[in-house]
Amino acid sequence: MTDLNALKYSEEHEWVADDPSGAGVVTLGVTDYAADKLGDVVFVELPAVGTTITAGSVVGEIESTKSVGEIYAPVSGRVVEVNETVVEDPSLVNSGPFDAGWLIKVEVADGALDGLLDRAAYLAITEG
């Protein structure tokens, strides 16, 4: 299980896990709060490997039985890996948003996580 307190969060309900090896690659996904609000996820569209993304921009789409939502980039960088398993089985976003349901891995510059929220600040937004 992922240590949720070690993650960083965006106000748009994405999470970011820093690479402990310090290689400058982070993993992104949507939070359990977002997955719960969406309902049963049935489709996920993600950017291709090699795509340059910019923090705050739309980088994908997520559809559920209730709605269609956009996935926002919480950081800027270059996509180095896409979770093809979640594309094939979008329900992983619901069943394991912090583990098997991760979305993309992004190569980022130093300081890319500055300005993101810690767990307590994110929970203050979602529970407030």
C-alpha atoms as a PDB file:
ATOM      1  CA  MET A   1       0.000   0.000   0.000  1.00  0.00           C
ATOM      2  CA  THR A   2       1.200   3.450  -0.896  1.00  0.00           C
ATOM      3  CA  ASP A   3       1.988   5.867   1.954  1.00  0.00           C
ATOM      4  CA  LEU A   4      -0.625   8.537   1.204  1.00  0.00           C
ATOM      5  CA  ASN A   5       1.211  11.046   3.402  1.00  0.00           C
ATOM      6  CA  ALA A   6       4.296  10.768   1.164  1.00  0.00           C
ATOM      7  CA  LEU A   7       2.331  11.883  -1.913  1.00  0.00           C
ATOM      8  CA  LYS A   8       1.702  15.394  -3.180  1.00  0.00           C
ATOM      9  CA  TYR A   9      -1.735  16.456  -4.409  1.00  0.00           C
ATOM     10  CA  SER A  10      -3.314  18.970  -6.772  1.00  0.00           C
ATOM     11  CA  GLU A  11      -6.538  20.862  -6.206  1.00  0.00           C
ATOM     12  CA  GLU A  12      -7.857  19.066  -9.327  1.00  0.00           C
ATOM     13  CA  HIS A  13      -7.647  15.742  -7.426  1.00  0.00           C
ATOM     14  CA  GLU A  14      -4.494  14.241  -8.917  1.00  0.00           C
ATOM     15  CA  TRP A  15      -1.697  12.750  -6.837  1.00  0.00           C
ATOM     16  CA  VAL A  16       2.052  12.693  -7.489  1.00  0.00           C
ATOM     17  CA  ALA A  17       4.528  10.156  -6.108  1.00  0.00           C
ATOM     18  CA  ASP A  18       8.163  11.159  -6.242  1.00  0.00           C
ATOM     19  CA  ASP A  19      10.662   8.511  -7.339  1.00  0.00           C
ATOM     20  CA  PRO A  20      12.616   7.488  -4.226  1.00  0.00           C
ATOM     21  CA  SER A  21      15.684   6.781  -6.355  1.00  0.00           C
ATOM     22  CA  GLY A  22      15.914  10.477  -7.219  1.00  0.00           C
ATOM     23  CA  ALA A  23      15.871   9.733 -10.960  1.00  0.00           C
ATOM     24  CA  GLY A  24      13.529  12.670 -11.613  1.00  0.00           C
ATOM     25  CA  VAL A  25      10.537  10.541 -12.619  1.00  0.00           C
ATOM     26  CA  VAL A  26       7.212  10.913 -10.832  1.00  0.00           C
ATOM     27  CA  THR A  27       4.080   8.780 -11.001  1.00  0.00           C
ATOM     28  CA  LEU A  28       0.666  10.428 -11.425  1.00  0.00           C
ATOM     29  CA  GLY A  29      -2.870   9.264 -10.763  1.00  0.00           C
ATOM     30  CA  VAL A  30      -6.269  10.433  -9.600  1.00  0.00           C
ATOM     31  CA  THR A  31      -7.173  10.379  -5.921  1.00  0.00           C
ATOM     32  CA  ASP A  32      -9.611   8.074  -4.205  1.00  0.00           C
ATOM     33  CA  TYR A  33     -11.830  11.124  -3.671  1.00  0.00           C
ATOM     34  CA  ALA A  34     -11.986  11.757  -7.438  1.00  0.00           C
ATOM     35  CA  ALA A  35     -12.515   8.071  -8.195  1.00  0.00           C
ATOM     36  CA  ASP A  36     -15.362   7.929  -5.693  1.00  0.00           C
ATOM     37  CA  LYS A  37     -17.021  11.067  -7.102  1.00  0.00           C
ATOM     38  CA  LEU A  38     -16.717   9.736 -10.659  1.00  0.00           C
ATOM     39  CA  GLY A  39     -18.330   6.409  -9.888  1.00  0.00           C
ATOM     40  CA  ASP A  40     -17.496   3.329 -11.946  1.00  0.00           C
ATOM     41  CA  VAL A  41     -14.730   4.323 -14.386  1.00  0.00           C
ATOM     42  CA  VAL A  42     -15.281   2.776 -17.828  1.00  0.00           C
ATOM     43  CA  PHE A  43     -12.763   4.609 -20.063  1.00  0.00           C
ATOM     44  CA  VAL A  44      -9.380   6.305 -19.619  1.00  0.00           C
ATOM     45  CA  GLU A  45      -7.508   8.231 -22.318  1.00  0.00           C
ATOM     46  CA  LEU A  46      -3.884   9.118 -21.568  1.00  0.00           C
ATOM     47  CA  PRO A  47      -1.136  11.033 -23.405  1.00  0.00           C
ATOM     48  CA  ALA A  48       1.378   9.103 -25.489  1.00  0.00           C
ATOM     49  CA  VAL A  49       4.902   8.363 -24.280  1.00  0.00           C
ATOM     50  CA  GLY A  50       7.152  11.250 -25.324  1.00  0.00           C
ATOM     51  CA  THR A  51       4.424  13.881 -24.933  1.00  0.00           C
ATOM     52  CA  THR A  52       5.488  17.056 -23.143  1.00  0.00           C
ATOM     53  CA  ILE A  53       2.891  18.108 -20.588  1.00  0.00           C
ATOM     54  CA  THR A  54       2.468  21.415 -18.785  1.00  0.00           C
ATOM     55  CA  ALA A  55       1.237  21.786 -15.221  1.00  0.00           C
ATOM     56  CA  GLY A  56      -2.414  22.790 -15.186  1.00  0.00           C
ATOM     57  CA  SER A  57      -3.139  21.593 -18.723  1.00  0.00           C
ATOM     58  CA  VAL A  58      -5.548  18.826 -19.678  1.00  0.00           C
ATOM     59  CA  VAL A  59      -3.614  15.629 -20.427  1.00  0.00           C
ATOM     60  CA  GLY A  60      -6.347  13.039 -20.628  1.00  0.00           C
ATOM     61  CA  GLU A  61      -9.930  12.073 -20.152  1.00  0.00           C
ATOM     62  CA  ILE A  62     -11.676   9.806 -17.723  1.00  0.00           C
ATOM     63  CA  GLU A  63     -15.222   8.551 -18.237  1.00  0.00           C
ATOM     64  CA  SER A  64     -17.494   6.883 -15.753  1.00  0.00           C
ATOM     65  CA  THR A  65     -21.037   5.650 -15.760  1.00  0.00           C
ATOM     66  CA  LYS A  66     -21.970   9.050 -14.262  1.00  0.00           C
ATOM     67  CA  SER A  67     -19.824  11.605 -16.084  1.00  0.00           C
ATOM     68  CA  VAL A  68     -16.844  12.532 -18.246  1.00  0.00           C
ATOM     69  CA  GLY A  69     -13.941  14.318 -16.591  1.00  0.00           C
ATOM     70  CA  GLU A  70     -10.601  15.742 -17.575  1.00  0.00           C
ATOM     71  CA  ILE A  71      -7.244  14.708 -16.182  1.00  0.00           C
ATOM     72  CA  TYR A  72      -5.021  17.689 -15.391  1.00  0.00           C
ATOM     73  CA  ALA A  73      -1.243  17.630 -15.226  1.00  0.00           C
ATOM     74  CA  PRO A  74      -0.124  18.545 -11.700  1.00  0.00           C
ATOM     75  CA  VAL A  75       3.464  18.912 -12.976  1.00  0.00           C
ATOM     76  CA  SER A  76       5.297  19.783 -16.174  1.00  0.00           C
ATOM     77  CA  GLY A  77       7.564  17.292 -17.902  1.00  0.00           C
ATOM     78  CA  ARG A  78       7.815  14.534 -20.485  1.00  0.00           C
ATOM     79  CA  VAL A  79       5.686  11.376 -20.342  1.00  0.00           C
ATOM     80  CA  VAL A  80       8.019   8.369 -20.078  1.00  0.00           C
ATOM     81  CA  GLU A  81       5.495   5.623 -19.322  1.00  0.00           C
ATOM     82  CA  VAL A  82       1.742   5.079 -19.635  1.00  0.00           C
ATOM     83  CA  ASN A  83      -0.156   2.528 -17.573  1.00  0.00           C
ATOM     84  CA  GLU A  84      -1.586   0.454 -20.440  1.00  0.00           C
ATOM     85  CA  THR A  85      -3.181  -1.896 -17.917  1.00  0.00           C
ATOM     86  CA  VAL A  86      -5.469   0.892 -16.660  1.00  0.00           C
ATOM     87  CA  VAL A  87      -6.357   1.798 -20.264  1.00  0.00           C
ATOM     88  CA  GLU A  88      -7.411  -1.825 -20.826  1.00  0.00           C
ATOM     89  CA  ASP A  89      -9.108  -2.120 -17.407  1.00  0.00           C
ATOM     90  CA  PRO A  90     -10.273   1.370 -16.309  1.00  0.00           C
ATOM     91  CA  SER A  91     -11.936  -0.079 -13.188  1.00  0.00           C
ATOM     92  CA  LEU A  92      -8.438  -0.119 -11.621  1.00  0.00           C
ATOM     93  CA  VAL A  93      -8.884   3.627 -11.056  1.00  0.00           C
ATOM     94  CA  ASN A  94     -11.692   2.720  -8.638  1.00  0.00           C
ATOM     95  CA  SER A  95     -10.220  -0.399  -7.056  1.00  0.00           C
ATOM     96  CA  GLY A  96      -6.635   0.856  -6.639  1.00  0.00           C
ATOM     97  CA  PRO A  97      -6.306   4.578  -7.375  1.00  0.00           C
ATOM     98  CA  PHE A  98      -2.977   4.815  -5.509  1.00  0.00           C
ATOM     99  CA  ASP A  99      -1.533   1.516  -6.693  1.00  0.00           C
ATOM    100  CA  ALA A 100      -2.587  -0.461  -9.798  1.00  0.00           C
ATOM    101  CA  GLY A 101      -4.698   2.486 -10.989  1.00  0.00           C
ATOM    102  CA  TRP A 102      -1.773   4.899 -11.535  1.00  0.00           C
ATOM    103  CA  LEU A 103      -1.918   6.702 -14.880  1.00  0.00           C
ATOM    104  CA  ILE A 104       1.409   8.008 -16.190  1.00  0.00           C
ATOM    105  CA  LYS A 105       5.053   8.477 -15.252  1.00  0.00           C
ATOM    106  CA  VAL A 106       6.644  11.816 -16.058  1.00  0.00           C
ATOM    107  CA  GLU A 107      10.257  12.950 -16.182  1.00  0.00           C
ATOM    108  CA  VAL A 108      10.371  16.269 -14.336  1.00  0.00           C
ATOM    109  CA  ALA A 109      12.875  18.966 -13.444  1.00  0.00           C
ATOM    110  CA  ASP A 110      13.961  19.742  -9.890  1.00  0.00           C
ATOM    111  CA  GLY A 111      11.313  21.683  -8.026  1.00  0.00           C
ATOM    112  CA  ALA A 112       8.449  20.279 -10.122  1.00  0.00           C
ATOM    113  CA  LEU A 113       6.511  19.336  -6.988  1.00  0.00           C
ATOM    114  CA  ASP A 114       6.777  22.785  -5.425  1.00  0.00           C
ATOM    115  CA  GLY A 115       3.359  24.292  -4.903  1.00  0.00           C
ATOM    116  CA  LEU A 116       1.528  20.963  -4.664  1.00  0.00           C
ATOM    117  CA  LEU A 117      -0.431  20.124  -1.529  1.00  0.00           C
ATOM    118  CA  ASP A 118       0.489  17.718   1.240  1.00  0.00           C
ATOM    119  CA  ARG A 119      -2.089  15.170   2.426  1.00  0.00           C
ATOM    120  CA  ALA A 120      -3.452  17.358   5.245  1.00  0.00           C
ATOM    121  CA  ALA A 121      -3.987  20.349   2.930  1.00  0.00           C
ATOM    122  CA  TYR A 122      -5.650  18.158   0.313  1.00  0.00           C
ATOM    123  CA  LEU A 123      -7.984  16.586   2.870  1.00  0.00           C
ATOM    124  CA  ALA A 124      -8.900  20.074   4.102  1.00  0.00           C
ATOM    125  CA  ILE A 125     -10.152  20.827   0.572  1.00  0.00           C
ATOM    126  CA  THR A 126     -12.079  17.600   0.108  1.00  0.00           C
ATOM    127  CA  GLU A 127     -13.546  17.419   3.579  1.00  0.00           C
ATOM    128  CA  GLY A 128     -14.215  21.143   3.966  1.00  0.00           C
END
